[in-house]
Amino acid sequence: MGEVSHDHLVLIQIDGMHCHRCEQAIQRAIGSLAGVREVEVDFLSGQASVLVERGTTQAAAMLDAINQAGYRATGFVERDVDG
């Protein structure tokens, strides 16, 4: 009986982004974390969408990575992704 692994979506609100370089810095910071499958960052909306393998990277680690990159994570929402 193998355990089925489902992806998990984390939407993070971020303050301090002003340009595409900011997006890239955050993508690198989050993308280096274990289990991260995909990262999309939009400075205009101030949001990052992160697709992670369930049971790997926790939201707290992503928030820390954003803060360490010089930006401020102000909140997040987590959702399960089917399929």
Protein backbone atom coordinates (compact mmCIF):
# COMPACT_ATOMS: atom_id res chain seq x y z
CA MET A 1 0.00 0.00 0.00
CA GLY A 2 1.98 2.97 -1.27
CA GLU A 3 1.13 6.44 -0.10
CA VAL A 4 -0.03 8.79 -2.87
CA SER A 5 1.77 12.11 -2.82
CA HIS A 6 -0.33 15.14 -3.71
CA ASP A 7 0.96 18.56 -4.60
CA HIS A 8 0.27 21.46 -2.31
CA LEU A 9 -0.15 25.10 -3.42
CA VAL A 10 1.03 27.95 -1.20
CA LEU A 11 0.04 31.52 -2.10
CA ILE A 12 2.25 34.05 -0.32
CA GLN A 13 1.72 37.81 -0.02
CA ILE A 14 5.00 39.74 -0.18
CA ASP A 15 5.89 43.38 0.50
CA GLY A 16 8.94 45.11 -0.91
CA MET A 17 8.96 43.93 -4.53
CA HIS A 18 9.42 46.65 -7.14
CA CYS A 19 10.63 44.98 -10.34
CA HIS A 20 11.40 41.78 -12.21
CA ARG A 21 14.73 41.47 -10.39
CA CYS A 22 12.78 41.25 -7.16
CA GLU A 23 10.68 38.45 -8.67
CA GLN A 24 13.82 36.59 -9.71
CA ALA A 25 15.44 36.94 -6.28
CA ILE A 26 12.37 35.46 -4.60
CA GLN A 27 12.09 32.69 -7.20
CA ARG A 28 15.70 31.69 -6.51
CA ALA A 29 15.23 31.82 -2.73
CA ILE A 30 12.09 29.67 -2.71
CA GLY A 31 13.10 27.46 -5.63
CA SER A 32 16.18 26.24 -3.77
CA LEU A 33 14.04 24.62 -1.06
CA ALA A 34 13.51 20.84 -1.11
CA GLY A 35 10.27 19.63 -2.69
CA VAL A 36 9.48 22.87 -4.52
CA ARG A 37 8.17 21.97 -7.97
CA GLU A 38 7.30 25.41 -9.36
CA VAL A 39 7.48 29.05 -8.29
CA GLU A 40 5.71 31.97 -9.93
CA VAL A 41 6.22 35.48 -8.54
CA ASP A 42 4.43 38.67 -9.61
CA PHE A 43 5.70 41.96 -8.22
CA LEU A 44 2.63 43.86 -9.45
CA SER A 45 0.26 41.76 -7.33
CA GLY A 46 2.84 41.23 -4.57
CA GLN A 47 2.26 37.50 -4.60
CA ALA A 48 4.16 34.25 -5.04
CA SER A 49 2.49 30.98 -6.03
CA VAL A 50 4.50 27.95 -4.97
CA LEU A 51 3.72 24.36 -5.92
CA VAL A 52 5.34 21.90 -3.53
CA GLU A 53 5.28 18.18 -2.98
CA ARG A 54 3.17 17.44 0.08
CA GLY A 55 5.19 16.51 3.11
CA THR A 56 8.32 18.38 2.04
CA THR A 57 8.85 22.13 2.39
CA GLN A 58 6.69 23.87 4.98
CA ALA A 59 5.24 27.36 4.47
CA ALA A 60 7.37 28.65 7.37
CA ALA A 61 10.56 27.74 5.47
CA MET A 62 9.30 29.66 2.42
CA LEU A 63 8.49 32.71 4.52
CA ASP A 64 11.94 32.57 6.10
CA ALA A 65 13.59 32.32 2.66
CA ILE A 66 11.65 35.38 1.46
CA ASN A 67 12.57 37.38 4.56
CA GLN A 68 16.23 36.36 4.28
CA ALA A 69 16.22 37.54 0.65
CA GLY A 70 15.34 41.03 1.91
CA TYR A 71 11.57 41.07 1.35
CA ARG A 72 8.69 40.75 3.79
CA ALA A 73 6.22 37.88 3.65
CA THR A 74 2.98 39.24 5.09
CA GLY A 75 0.72 36.19 4.89
CA PHE A 76 -0.08 32.98 3.08
CA VAL A 77 -2.84 30.57 2.12
CA GLU A 78 -2.34 26.84 1.57
CA ARG A 79 -4.43 24.63 -0.72
CA ASP A 80 -4.35 21.00 -1.79
CA VAL A 81 -4.06 20.39 -5.52
CA ASP A 82 -5.74 17.35 -7.04
CA GLY A 83 -3.98 15.20 -9.61
